């Protein structure tokens, strides 16, 4: 379950990277073939990510754990790809915000423990 959810987040980041590349003029230029190939690759990557996510949901006892794992891996990898591939600026505030989102998702995913009435 954890492996599938982690892969879902990775494929989501890869799909969004191909989507961003398809809109980058320095990569695509005037070529509709490159543009179309990048869009098709984006759809395939996102479809593959959905497949892994659904498999993780099927293996999990609740839907929160796969959501936390897939979102967390997607946030972190998207940040790393943005910095390395697209030379985007990154700040400690962005990373702190991403981690707060992941921690918030993890808190929501915590199972509730009911107190037994005596």
PDB file of N, CA and C in Angstrom:
ATOM      1  N   UNK A   1       0.828  -1.194   0.000  1.00  0.00           N
ATOM      2  CA  UNK A   1       0.000   0.000   0.000  1.00  0.00           C
ATOM      3  C   UNK A   1       0.866   1.249   0.000  1.00  0.00           C
ATOM      4  N   UNK A   2       1.889   1.280   0.878  1.00  0.00           N
ATOM      5  CA  UNK A   2       2.744   2.460   0.963  1.00  0.00           C
ATOM      6  C   UNK A   2       3.518   2.673  -0.332  1.00  0.00           C
ATOM      7  N   UNK A   3       4.013   1.578  -0.887  1.00  0.00           N
ATOM      8  CA  UNK A   3       4.780   1.652  -2.128  1.00  0.00           C
ATOM      9  C   UNK A   3       3.925   2.194  -3.268  1.00  0.00           C
ATOM     10  N   UNK A   4       2.709   1.678  -3.393  1.00  0.00           N
ATOM     11  CA  UNK A   4       1.812   2.130  -4.461  1.00  0.00           C
ATOM     12  C   UNK A   4       1.440   3.599  -4.289  1.00  0.00           C
ATOM     13  N   UNK A   5       1.177   4.025  -3.063  1.00  0.00           N
ATOM     14  CA  UNK A   5       0.824   5.425  -2.812  1.00  0.00           C
ATOM     15  C   UNK A   5       2.007   6.344  -3.098  1.00  0.00           C
ATOM     16  N   UNK A   6       3.200   5.902  -2.733  1.00  0.00           N
ATOM     17  CA  UNK A   6       4.403   6.684  -3.014  1.00  0.00           C
ATOM     18  C   UNK A   6       4.604   6.828  -4.519  1.00  0.00           C
ATOM     19  N   UNK A   7       4.421   5.729  -5.255  1.00  0.00           N
ATOM     20  CA  UNK A   7       4.542   5.785  -6.717  1.00  0.00           C
ATOM     21  C   UNK A   7       3.476   6.685  -7.336  1.00  0.00           C
ATOM     22  N   UNK A   8       2.295   6.713  -6.760  1.00  0.00           N
ATOM     23  CA  UNK A   8       1.239   7.595  -7.265  1.00  0.00           C
ATOM     24  C   UNK A   8       1.671   9.051  -7.178  1.00  0.00           C
ATOM     25  N   UNK A   9       2.288   9.430  -6.072  1.00  0.00           N
ATOM     26  CA  UNK A   9       2.783  10.795  -5.930  1.00  0.00           C
ATOM     27  C   UNK A   9       3.900  11.110  -6.897  1.00  0.00           C
ATOM     28  N   UNK A  10       4.784  10.145  -7.114  1.00  0.00           N
ATOM     29  CA  UNK A  10       5.879  10.354  -8.064  1.00  0.00           C
ATOM     30  C   UNK A  10       5.335  10.537  -9.470  1.00  0.00           C
ATOM     31  N   UNK A  11       4.412   9.670  -9.882  1.00  0.00           N
ATOM     32  CA  UNK A  11       3.846   9.786 -11.230  1.00  0.00           C
ATOM     33  C   UNK A  11       3.051  11.076 -11.398  1.00  0.00           C
ATOM     34  N   UNK A  12       2.410  11.548 -10.349  1.00  0.00           N
ATOM     35  CA  UNK A  12       1.698  12.829 -10.430  1.00  0.00           C
ATOM     36  C   UNK A  12       2.680  13.968 -10.692  1.00  0.00           C
ATOM     37  N   UNK A  13       3.822  13.937 -10.031  1.00  0.00           N
ATOM     38  CA  UNK A  13       4.839  14.969 -10.259  1.00  0.00           C
ATOM     39  C   UNK A  13       5.425  14.878 -11.661  1.00  0.00           C
ATOM     40  N   UNK A  14       5.657  13.662 -12.120  1.00  0.00           N
ATOM     41  CA  UNK A  14       6.187  13.476 -13.476  1.00  0.00           C
ATOM     42  C   UNK A  14       5.179  13.978 -14.507  1.00  0.00           C
ATOM     43  N   UNK A  15       3.905  13.665 -14.303  1.00  0.00           N
ATOM     44  CA  UNK A  15       2.870  14.133 -15.228  1.00  0.00           C
ATOM     45  C   UNK A  15       2.784  15.642 -15.278  1.00  0.00           C
ATOM     46  N   UNK A  16       2.849  16.284 -14.122  1.00  0.00           N
ATOM     47  CA  UNK A  16       2.784  17.749 -14.122  1.00  0.00           C
ATOM     48  C   UNK A  16       4.036  18.355 -14.741  1.00  0.00           C
ATOM     49  N   UNK A  17       5.164  17.670 -14.617  1.00  0.00           N
ATOM     50  CA  UNK A  17       6.391  18.152 -15.260  1.00  0.00           C
ATOM     51  C   UNK A  17       6.245  18.125 -16.776  1.00  0.00           C
ATOM     52  N   UNK A  18       5.710  17.046 -17.319  1.00  0.00           N
ATOM     53  CA  UNK A  18       5.484  16.992 -18.766  1.00  0.00           C
ATOM     54  C   UNK A  18       4.471  18.038 -19.213  1.00  0.00           C
ATOM     55  N   UNK A  19       3.470  18.294 -18.386  1.00  0.00           N
ATOM     56  CA  UNK A  19       2.508  19.345 -18.710  1.00  0.00           C
ATOM     57  C   UNK A  19       3.161  20.710 -18.759  1.00  0.00           C
ATOM     58  N   UNK A  20       4.048  20.967 -17.818  1.00  0.00           N
ATOM     59  CA  UNK A  20       4.747  22.256 -17.812  1.00  0.00           C
ATOM     60  C   UNK A  20       5.713  22.354 -18.989  1.00  0.00           C
ATOM     61  N   UNK A  21       6.377  21.252 -19.316  1.00  0.00           N
ATOM     62  CA  UNK A  21       7.277  21.258 -20.472  1.00  0.00           C
ATOM     63  C   UNK A  21       6.524  21.530 -21.768  1.00  0.00           C
ATOM     64  N   UNK A  22       5.285  21.039 -21.868  1.00  0.00           N
ATOM     65  CA  UNK A  22       4.510  21.256 -23.095  1.00  0.00           C
ATOM     66  C   UNK A  22       4.137  22.716 -23.285  1.00  0.00           C
ATOM     67  N   UNK A  23       4.159  23.494 -22.217  1.00  0.00           N
ATOM     68  CA  UNK A  23       3.861  24.915 -22.323  1.00  0.00           C
ATOM     69  C   UNK A  23       5.093  25.795 -22.349  1.00  0.00           C
ATOM     70  N   UNK A  24       6.269  25.190 -22.389  1.00  0.00           N
ATOM     71  CA  UNK A  24       7.520  25.942 -22.402  1.00  0.00           C
ATOM     72  C   UNK A  24       7.952  26.181 -23.839  1.00  0.00           C
ATOM     73  N   UNK A  25       7.986  27.447 -24.236  1.00  0.00           N
ATOM     74  CA  UNK A  25       8.292  27.794 -25.627  1.00  0.00           C
ATOM     75  C   UNK A  25       9.698  27.377 -26.035  1.00  0.00           C
ATOM     76  N   UNK A  26      10.648  27.418 -25.130  1.00  0.00           N
ATOM     77  CA  UNK A  26      12.021  27.048 -25.489  1.00  0.00           C
ATOM     78  C   UNK A  26      12.159  25.549 -25.750  1.00  0.00           C
ATOM     79  N   UNK A  27      11.259  24.753 -25.243  1.00  0.00           N
ATOM     80  CA  UNK A  27      11.283  23.302 -25.478  1.00  0.00           C
ATOM     81  C   UNK A  27      10.472  22.952 -26.722  1.00  0.00           C
ATOM     82  N   UNK A  28       9.273  23.486 -26.802  1.00  0.00           N
ATOM     83  CA  UNK A  28       8.343  23.118 -27.873  1.00  0.00           C
ATOM     84  C   UNK A  28       8.627  23.888 -29.156  1.00  0.00           C
ATOM     85  N   UNK A  29       8.896  25.175 -29.024  1.00  0.00           N
ATOM     86  CA  UNK A  29       9.085  26.003 -30.215  1.00  0.00           C
ATOM     87  C   UNK A  29       7.792  26.081 -31.008  1.00  0.00           C
ATOM     88  N   UNK A  30       7.877  25.859 -32.310  1.00  0.00           N
ATOM     89  CA  UNK A  30       6.697  25.874 -33.181  1.00  0.00           C
ATOM     90  C   UNK A  30       6.242  24.467 -33.553  1.00  0.00           C
ATOM     91  N   UNK A  31       6.786  23.460 -32.919  1.00  0.00           N
ATOM     92  CA  UNK A  31       6.505  22.078 -33.286  1.00  0.00           C
ATOM     93  C   UNK A  31       5.256  21.562 -32.580  1.00  0.00           C
ATOM     94  N   UNK A  32       4.248  21.278 -33.381  1.00  0.00           N
ATOM     95  CA  UNK A  32       3.041  20.671 -32.823  1.00  0.00           C
ATOM     96  C   UNK A  32       3.275  19.207 -32.459  1.00  0.00           C
ATOM     97  N   UNK A  33       4.245  18.580 -33.098  1.00  0.00           N
ATOM     98  CA  UNK A  33       4.536  17.177 -32.801  1.00  0.00           C
ATOM     99  C   UNK A  33       5.126  17.047 -31.394  1.00  0.00           C
ATOM    100  N   UNK A  34       6.090  17.908 -31.058  1.00  0.00           N
ATOM    101  CA  UNK A  34       6.678  17.877 -29.714  1.00  0.00           C
ATOM    102  C   UNK A  34       5.619  18.228 -28.675  1.00  0.00           C
ATOM    103  N   UNK A  35       4.819  19.246 -28.964  1.00  0.00           N
ATOM    104  CA  UNK A  35       3.759  19.664 -28.050  1.00  0.00           C
ATOM    105  C   UNK A  35       2.781  18.519 -27.795  1.00  0.00           C
ATOM    106  N   UNK A  36       2.336  17.875 -28.878  1.00  0.00           N
ATOM    107  CA  UNK A  36       1.398  16.760 -28.750  1.00  0.00           C
ATOM    108  C   UNK A  36       2.007  15.574 -28.021  1.00  0.00           C
ATOM    109  N   UNK A  37       3.275  15.281 -28.307  1.00  0.00           N
ATOM    110  CA  UNK A  37       3.946  14.159 -27.643  1.00  0.00           C
ATOM    111  C   UNK A  37       4.069  14.409 -26.141  1.00  0.00           C
ATOM    112  N   UNK A  38       4.382  15.644 -25.770  1.00  0.00           N
ATOM    113  CA  UNK A  38       4.480  15.967 -24.346  1.00  0.00           C
ATOM    114  C   UNK A  38       3.117  15.881 -23.658  1.00  0.00           C
ATOM    115  N   UNK A  39       2.071  16.323 -24.337  1.00  0.00           N
ATOM    116  CA  UNK A  39       0.730  16.231 -23.747  1.00  0.00           C
ATOM    117  C   UNK A  39       0.278  14.780 -23.593  1.00  0.00           C
ATOM    118  N   UNK A  40       0.557  13.961 -24.605  1.00  0.00           N
ATOM    119  CA  UNK A  40       0.199  12.540 -24.514  1.00  0.00           C
ATOM    120  C   UNK A  40       0.980  11.874 -23.382  1.00  0.00           C
ATOM    121  N   UNK A  41       2.260  12.217 -23.261  1.00  0.00           N
ATOM    122  CA  UNK A  41       3.079  11.670 -22.181  1.00  0.00           C
ATOM    123  C   UNK A  41       2.553  12.111 -20.821  1.00  0.00           C
ATOM    124  N   UNK A  42       2.097  13.360 -20.726  1.00  0.00           N
ATOM    125  CA  UNK A  42       1.517  13.856 -19.480  1.00  0.00           C
ATOM    126  C   UNK A  42       0.279  13.038 -19.101  1.00  0.00           C
ATOM    127  N   UNK A  43      -0.600  12.805 -20.065  1.00  0.00           N
ATOM    128  CA  UNK A  43      -1.817  12.037 -19.800  1.00  0.00           C
ATOM    129  C   UNK A  43      -1.469  10.603 -19.388  1.00  0.00           C
ATOM    130  N   UNK A  44      -0.495  10.004 -20.062  1.00  0.00           N
ATOM    131  CA  UNK A  44      -0.092   8.639 -19.714  1.00  0.00           C
ATOM    132  C   UNK A  44       0.498   8.573 -18.302  1.00  0.00           C
ATOM    133  N   UNK A  45       1.333   9.541 -17.950  1.00  0.00           N
ATOM    134  CA  UNK A  45       1.928   9.559 -16.607  1.00  0.00           C
ATOM    135  C   UNK A  45       0.849   9.750 -15.543  1.00  0.00           C
ATOM    136  N   UNK A  46      -0.093  10.639 -15.793  1.00  0.00           N
ATOM    137  CA  UNK A  46      -1.167  10.855 -14.821  1.00  0.00           C
ATOM    138  C   UNK A  46      -2.083   9.636 -14.708  1.00  0.00           C
ATOM    139  N   UNK A  47      -2.320   8.961 -15.826  1.00  0.00           N
ATOM    140  CA  UNK A  47      -3.121   7.739 -15.803  1.00  0.00           C
ATOM    141  C   UNK A  47      -2.412   6.655 -14.998  1.00  0.00           C
ATOM    142  N   UNK A  48      -1.111   6.534 -15.197  1.00  0.00           N
ATOM    143  CA  UNK A  48      -0.332   5.552 -14.452  1.00  0.00           C
ATOM    144  C   UNK A  48      -0.340   5.886 -12.960  1.00  0.00           C
ATOM    145  N   UNK A  49      -0.267   7.175 -12.631  1.00  0.00           N
ATOM    146  CA  UNK A  49      -0.345   7.602 -11.237  1.00  0.00           C
ATOM    147  C   UNK A  49      -1.692   7.274 -10.617  1.00  0.00           C
ATOM    148  N   UNK A  50      -2.761   7.479 -11.374  1.00  0.00           N
ATOM    149  CA  UNK A  50      -4.101   7.131 -10.877  1.00  0.00           C
ATOM    150  C   UNK A  50      -4.218   5.632 -10.643  1.00  0.00           C
ATOM    151  N   UNK A  51      -3.597   4.846 -11.503  1.00  0.00           N
ATOM    152  CA  UNK A  51      -3.608   3.393 -11.340  1.00  0.00           C
ATOM    153  C   UNK A  51      -2.955   3.004 -10.016  1.00  0.00           C
ATOM    154  N   UNK A  52      -1.784   3.576  -9.745  1.00  0.00           N
ATOM    155  CA  UNK A  52      -1.097   3.267  -8.486  1.00  0.00           C
ATOM    156  C   UNK A  52      -1.903   3.756  -7.285  1.00  0.00           C
ATOM    157  N   UNK A  53      -2.516   4.916  -7.416  1.00  0.00           N
ATOM    158  CA  UNK A  53      -3.309   5.453  -6.309  1.00  0.00           C
ATOM    159  C   UNK A  53      -4.508   4.553  -6.013  1.00  0.00           C
ATOM    160  N   UNK A  54      -5.187   4.104  -7.051  1.00  0.00           N
ATOM    161  CA  UNK A  54      -6.336   3.216  -6.850  1.00  0.00           C
ATOM    162  C   UNK A  54      -5.912   1.880  -6.252  1.00  0.00           C
ATOM    163  N   UNK A  55      -4.753   1.380  -6.659  1.00  0.00           N
ATOM    164  CA  UNK A  55      -4.253   0.134  -6.070  1.00  0.00           C
ATOM    165  C   UNK A  55      -3.920   0.324  -4.593  1.00  0.00           C
ATOM    166  N   UNK A  56      -3.380   1.498  -4.242  1.00  0.00           N
ATOM    167  CA  UNK A  56      -3.078   1.750  -2.830  1.00  0.00           C
ATOM    168  C   UNK A  56      -4.366   1.902  -2.023  1.00  0.00           C
ATOM    169  N   UNK A  57      -5.384   2.518  -2.619  1.00  0.00           N
ATOM    170  CA  UNK A  57      -6.674   2.623  -1.933  1.00  0.00           C
ATOM    171  C   UNK A  57      -7.286   1.247  -1.703  1.00  0.00           C
ATOM    172  N   UNK A  58      -7.130   0.376  -2.689  1.00  0.00           N
ATOM    173  CA  UNK A  58      -7.681  -0.968  -2.573  1.00  0.00           C
ATOM    174  C   UNK A  58      -6.996  -1.757  -1.458  1.00  0.00           C
ATOM    175  N   UNK A  59      -5.702  -1.526  -1.268  1.00  0.00           N
ATOM    176  CA  UNK A  59      -4.954  -2.273  -0.257  1.00  0.00           C
ATOM    177  C   UNK A  59      -5.076  -1.676   1.143  1.00  0.00           C
ATOM    178  N   UNK A  60      -5.522  -0.432   1.237  1.00  0.00           N
ATOM    179  CA  UNK A  60      -5.562   0.255   2.534  1.00  0.00           C
ATOM    180  C   UNK A  60      -6.872  -0.007   3.260  1.00  0.00           C
ATOM    181  N   UNK A  61      -6.831   0.185   4.571  1.00  0.00           N
ATOM    182  CA  UNK A  61      -8.045   0.038   5.369  1.00  0.00           C
ATOM    183  C   UNK A  61      -8.870   1.321   5.376  1.00  0.00           C
ATOM    184  N   UNK A  62      -8.215   2.461   5.141  1.00  0.00           N
ATOM    185  CA  UNK A  62      -8.937   3.728   4.994  1.00  0.00           C
ATOM    186  C   UNK A  62      -8.285   4.526   3.869  1.00  0.00           C
ATOM    187  N   UNK A  63      -8.948   5.560   3.431  1.00  0.00           N
ATOM    188  CA  UNK A  63      -8.431   6.315   2.286  1.00  0.00           C
ATOM    189  C   UNK A  63      -7.445   7.399   2.681  1.00  0.00           C
ATOM    190  N   UNK A  64      -7.327   7.673   3.960  1.00  0.00           N
ATOM    191  CA  UNK A  64      -6.484   8.791   4.387  1.00  0.00           C
ATOM    192  C   UNK A  64      -4.999   8.497   4.229  1.00  0.00           C
ATOM    193  N   UNK A  65      -4.563   7.306   4.581  1.00  0.00           N
ATOM    194  CA  UNK A  65      -3.135   6.988   4.514  1.00  0.00           C
ATOM    195  C   UNK A  65      -2.580   7.084   3.092  1.00  0.00           C
ATOM    196  N   UNK A  66      -3.222   6.486   2.085  1.00  0.00           N
ATOM    197  CA  UNK A  66      -2.697   6.660   0.731  1.00  0.00           C
ATOM    198  C   UNK A  66      -2.705   8.116   0.264  1.00  0.00           C
ATOM    199  N   UNK A  67      -3.693   8.877   0.713  1.00  0.00           N
ATOM    200  CA  UNK A  67      -3.763  10.287   0.332  1.00  0.00           C
ATOM    201  C   UNK A  67      -2.588  11.061   0.903  1.00  0.00           C
ATOM    202  N   UNK A  68      -2.263  10.823   2.163  1.00  0.00           N
ATOM    203  CA  UNK A  68      -1.140  11.515   2.805  1.00  0.00           C
ATOM    204  C   UNK A  68       0.173  11.149   2.124  1.00  0.00           C
ATOM    205  N   UNK A  69       0.377   9.875   1.872  1.00  0.00           N
ATOM    206  CA  UNK A  69       1.637   9.426   1.284  1.00  0.00           C
ATOM    207  C   UNK A  69       1.790   9.948  -0.132  1.00  0.00           C
ATOM    208  N   UNK A  70       0.743   9.854  -0.926  1.00  0.00           N
ATOM    209  CA  UNK A  70       0.837  10.300  -2.311  1.00  0.00           C
ATOM    210  C   UNK A  70       0.974  11.812  -2.403  1.00  0.00           C
ATOM    211  N   UNK A  71       0.243  12.548  -1.586  1.00  0.00           N
ATOM    212  CA  UNK A  71       0.354  14.012  -1.608  1.00  0.00           C
ATOM    213  C   UNK A  71       1.724  14.460  -1.122  1.00  0.00           C
ATOM    214  N   UNK A  72       2.218  13.842  -0.074  1.00  0.00           N
ATOM    215  CA  UNK A  72       3.528  14.219   0.451  1.00  0.00           C
ATOM    216  C   UNK A  72       4.643  13.985  -0.544  1.00  0.00           C
ATOM    217  N   UNK A  73       4.652  12.816  -1.169  1.00  0.00           N
ATOM    218  CA  UNK A  73       5.702  12.543  -2.153  1.00  0.00           C
ATOM    219  C   UNK A  73       5.566  13.447  -3.367  1.00  0.00           C
ATOM    220  N   UNK A  74       4.345  13.767  -3.745  1.00  0.00           N
ATOM    221  CA  UNK A  74       4.129  14.668  -4.877  1.00  0.00           C
ATOM    222  C   UNK A  74       4.614  16.079  -4.569  1.00  0.00           C
ATOM    223  N   UNK A  75       4.309  16.594  -3.377  1.00  0.00           N
ATOM    224  CA  UNK A  75       4.750  17.945  -3.003  1.00  0.00           C
ATOM    225  C   UNK A  75       6.265  18.054  -3.013  1.00  0.00           C
ATOM    226  N   UNK A  76       6.916  17.102  -2.363  1.00  0.00           N
ATOM    227  CA  UNK A  76       8.373  17.172  -2.244  1.00  0.00           C
ATOM    228  C   UNK A  76       9.037  17.029  -3.610  1.00  0.00           C
ATOM    229  N   UNK A  77       8.604  16.051  -4.402  1.00  0.00           N
ATOM    230  CA  UNK A  77       9.223  15.853  -5.711  1.00  0.00           C
ATOM    231  C   UNK A  77       8.931  17.018  -6.648  1.00  0.00           C
ATOM    232  N   UNK A  78       7.737  17.588  -6.579  1.00  0.00           N
ATOM    233  CA  UNK A  78       7.431  18.764  -7.404  1.00  0.00           C
ATOM    234  C   UNK A  78       8.346  19.930  -7.056  1.00  0.00           C
ATOM    235  N   UNK A  79       8.616  20.112  -5.781  1.00  0.00           N
ATOM    236  CA  UNK A  79       9.540  21.167  -5.373  1.00  0.00           C
ATOM    237  C   UNK A  79      10.943  20.930  -5.889  1.00  0.00           C
ATOM    238  N   UNK A  80      11.413  19.695  -5.783  1.00  0.00           N
ATOM    239  CA  UNK A  80      12.761  19.361  -6.250  1.00  0.00           C
ATOM    240  C   UNK A  80      12.862  19.518  -7.767  1.00  0.00           C
ATOM    241  N   UNK A  81      11.851  19.058  -8.496  1.00  0.00           N
ATOM    242  CA  UNK A  81      11.858  19.197  -9.955  1.00  0.00           C
ATOM    243  C   UNK A  81      11.812  20.668 -10.349  1.00  0.00           C
ATOM    244  N   UNK A  82      11.000  21.454  -9.671  1.00  0.00           N
ATOM    245  CA  UNK A  82      10.919  22.879  -9.975  1.00  0.00           C
ATOM    246  C   UNK A  82      12.244  23.586  -9.796  1.00  0.00           C
ATOM    247  N   UNK A  83      12.960  23.223  -8.748  1.00  0.00           N
ATOM    248  CA  UNK A  83      14.253  23.852  -8.481  1.00  0.00           C
ATOM    249  C   UNK A  83      15.307  23.397  -9.486  1.00  0.00           C
ATOM    250  N   UNK A  84      15.389  22.095  -9.730  1.00  0.00           N
ATOM    251  CA  UNK A  84      16.472  21.569 -10.562  1.00  0.00           C
ATOM    252  C   UNK A  84      16.218  21.723 -12.056  1.00  0.00           C
ATOM    253  N   UNK A  85      15.018  21.423 -12.504  1.00  0.00           N
ATOM    254  CA  UNK A  85      14.753  21.416 -13.944  1.00  0.00           C
ATOM    255  C   UNK A  85      14.322  22.776 -14.476  1.00  0.00           C
ATOM    256  N   UNK A  86      13.503  23.480 -13.710  1.00  0.00           N
ATOM    257  CA  UNK A  86      12.955  24.744 -14.190  1.00  0.00           C
ATOM    258  C   UNK A  86      13.601  25.967 -13.547  1.00  0.00           C
ATOM    259  N   UNK A  87      14.584  25.745 -12.687  1.00  0.00           N
ATOM    260  CA  UNK A  87      15.313  26.822 -12.017  1.00  0.00           C
ATOM    261  C   UNK A  87      14.372  27.801 -11.309  1.00  0.00           C
ATOM    262  N   UNK A  88      13.349  27.257 -10.678  1.00  0.00           N
ATOM    263  CA  UNK A  88      12.410  28.087  -9.931  1.00  0.00           C
ATOM    264  C   UNK A  88      13.007  28.456  -8.580  1.00  0.00           C
ATOM    265  N   UNK A  89      12.620  29.612  -8.104  1.00  0.00           N
ATOM    266  CA  UNK A  89      13.082  30.043  -6.786  1.00  0.00           C
ATOM    267  C   UNK A  89      12.335  29.257  -5.716  1.00  0.00           C
ATOM    268  N   UNK A  90      13.038  28.931  -4.675  1.00  0.00           N
ATOM    269  CA  UNK A  90      12.427  28.215  -3.561  1.00  0.00           C
ATOM    270  C   UNK A  90      12.850  28.889  -2.270  1.00  0.00           C
ATOM    271  N   UNK A  91      11.923  28.946  -1.357  1.00  0.00           N
ATOM    272  CA  UNK A  91      12.230  29.574  -0.077  1.00  0.00           C
ATOM    273  C   UNK A  91      11.907  28.598   1.046  1.00  0.00           C
ATOM    274  N   UNK A  92      12.413  28.922   2.196  1.00  0.00           N
ATOM    275  CA  UNK A  92      12.105  28.114   3.369  1.00  0.00           C
ATOM    276  C   UNK A  92      10.614  28.182   3.683  1.00  0.00           C
ATOM    277  N   UNK A  93       9.987  29.297   3.330  1.00  0.00           N
ATOM    278  CA  UNK A  93       8.551  29.440   3.562  1.00  0.00           C
ATOM    279  C   UNK A  93       7.767  28.423   2.738  1.00  0.00           C
ATOM    280  N   UNK A  94       8.168  28.226   1.475  1.00  0.00           N
ATOM    281  CA  UNK A  94       7.483  27.258   0.620  1.00  0.00           C
ATOM    282  C   UNK A  94       7.628  25.860   1.199  1.00  0.00           C
ATOM    283  N   UNK A  95       8.857  25.489   1.574  1.00  0.00           N
ATOM    284  CA  UNK A  95       9.092  24.154   2.121  1.00  0.00           C
ATOM    285  C   UNK A  95       8.373  23.967   3.446  1.00  0.00           C
ATOM    286  N   UNK A  96       8.364  25.007   4.274  1.00  0.00           N
ATOM    287  CA  UNK A  96       7.645  24.918   5.548  1.00  0.00           C
ATOM    288  C   UNK A  96       6.148  24.755   5.304  1.00  0.00           C
ATOM    289  N   UNK A  97       5.609  25.487   4.344  1.00  0.00           N
ATOM    290  CA  UNK A  97       4.191  25.356   4.009  1.00  0.00           C
ATOM    291  C   UNK A  97       3.849  23.980   3.478  1.00  0.00           C
ATOM    292  N   UNK A  98       4.708  23.439   2.611  1.00  0.00           N
ATOM    293  CA  UNK A  98       4.472  22.094   2.080  1.00  0.00           C
ATOM    294  C   UNK A  98       4.499  21.060   3.200  1.00  0.00           C
ATOM    295  N   UNK A  99       5.441  21.213   4.116  1.00  0.00           N
ATOM    296  CA  UNK A  99       5.517  20.269   5.233  1.00  0.00           C
ATOM    297  C   UNK A  99       4.320  20.417   6.177  1.00  0.00           C
ATOM    298  N   UNK A 100       3.846  21.638   6.377  1.00  0.00           N
ATOM    299  CA  UNK A 100       2.651  21.831   7.208  1.00  0.00           C
ATOM    300  C   UNK A 100       1.428  21.175   6.575  1.00  0.00           C
ATOM    301  N   UNK A 101       1.328  21.256   5.254  1.00  0.00           N
ATOM    302  CA  UNK A 101       0.223  20.589   4.562  1.00  0.00           C
ATOM    303  C   UNK A 101       0.312  19.081   4.768  1.00  0.00           C
ATOM    304  N   UNK A 102       1.506  18.527   4.621  1.00  0.00           N
ATOM    305  CA  UNK A 102       1.685  17.087   4.815  1.00  0.00           C
ATOM    306  C   UNK A 102       1.373  16.694   6.257  1.00  0.00           C
ATOM    307  N   UNK A 103       1.845  17.484   7.231  1.00  0.00           N
ATOM    308  CA  UNK A 103       1.544  17.183   8.628  1.00  0.00           C
ATOM    309  C   UNK A 103       0.048  17.296   8.906  1.00  0.00           C
ATOM    310  N   UNK A 104      -0.609  18.275   8.307  1.00  0.00           N
ATOM    311  CA  UNK A 104      -2.055  18.407   8.466  1.00  0.00           C
ATOM    312  C   UNK A 104      -2.798  17.217   7.896  1.00  0.00           C
ATOM    313  N   UNK A 105      -2.367  16.758   6.728  1.00  0.00           N
ATOM    314  CA  UNK A 105      -2.973  15.560   6.150  1.00  0.00           C
ATOM    315  C   UNK A 105      -2.741  14.349   7.044  1.00  0.00           C
ATOM    316  N   UNK A 106      -1.550  14.262   7.623  1.00  0.00           N
ATOM    317  CA  UNK A 106      -1.256  13.138   8.516  1.00  0.00           C
ATOM    318  C   UNK A 106      -2.123  13.189   9.769  1.00  0.00           C
ATOM    319  N   UNK A 107      -2.372  14.383  10.285  1.00  0.00           N
ATOM    320  CA  UNK A 107      -3.248  14.506  11.454  1.00  0.00           C
ATOM    321  C   UNK A 107      -4.671  14.087  11.128  1.00  0.00           C
ATOM    322  N   UNK A 108      -5.134  14.480   9.962  1.00  0.00           N
ATOM    323  CA  UNK A 108      -6.482  14.089   9.547  1.00  0.00           C
ATOM    324  C   UNK A 108      -6.561  12.580   9.362  1.00  0.00           C
ATOM    325  N   UNK A 109      -5.460  11.968   8.937  1.00  0.00           N
ATOM    326  CA  UNK A 109      -5.450  10.531   8.668  1.00  0.00           C
ATOM    327  C   UNK A 109      -5.353   9.685   9.926  1.00  0.00           C
ATOM    328  N   UNK A 110      -5.028  10.292  11.062  1.00  0.00           N
ATOM    329  CA  UNK A 110      -4.897   9.527  12.302  1.00  0.00           C
ATOM    330  C   UNK A 110      -6.225   8.865  12.649  1.00  0.00           C
ATOM    331  N   UNK A 111      -6.172   7.586  13.020  1.00  0.00           N
ATOM    332  CA  UNK A 111      -7.419   6.927  13.422  1.00  0.00           C
ATOM    333  C   UNK A 111      -7.895   7.472  14.764  1.00  0.00           C
ATOM    334  N   UNK A 112      -9.186   7.583  14.873  1.00  0.00           N
ATOM    335  CA  UNK A 112      -9.777   8.073  16.122  1.00  0.00           C
ATOM    336  C   UNK A 112      -9.870   6.924  17.108  1.00  0.00           C
ATOM    337  N   UNK A 113      -9.523   7.228  18.319  1.00  0.00           N
ATOM    338  CA  UNK A 113      -9.672   6.223  19.371  1.00  0.00           C
ATOM    339  C   UNK A 113     -10.845   6.634  20.244  1.00  0.00           C
ATOM    340  N   UNK A 114     -11.793   5.746  20.358  1.00  0.00           N
ATOM    341  CA  UNK A 114     -12.976   6.030  21.167  1.00  0.00           C
ATOM    342  C   UNK A 114     -12.739   5.548  22.585  1.00  0.00           C
ATOM    343  N   UNK A 115     -13.129   6.373  23.522  1.00  0.00           N
ATOM    344  CA  UNK A 115     -13.027   5.989  24.921  1.00  0.00           C
ATOM    345  C   UNK A 115     -14.197   5.075  25.265  1.00  0.00           C
ATOM    346  N   UNK A 116     -13.885   4.017  25.968  1.00  0.00           N
ATOM    347  CA  UNK A 116     -14.942   3.097  26.380  1.00  0.00           C
ATOM    348  C   UNK A 116     -15.663   3.678  27.581  1.00  0.00           C
ATOM    349  N   UNK A 117     -16.967   3.659  27.492  1.00  0.00           N
ATOM    350  CA  UNK A 117     -17.771   4.150  28.617  1.00  0.00           C
ATOM    351  C   UNK A 117     -17.944   3.032  29.632  1.00  0.00           C
ATOM    352  N   UNK A 118     -17.830   3.404  30.895  1.00  0.00           N
ATOM    353  CA  UNK A 118     -17.952   2.384  31.940  1.00  0.00           C
ATOM    354  C   UNK A 118     -19.256   2.476  32.654  1.00  0.00           C
TER     355      UNK A 118
END
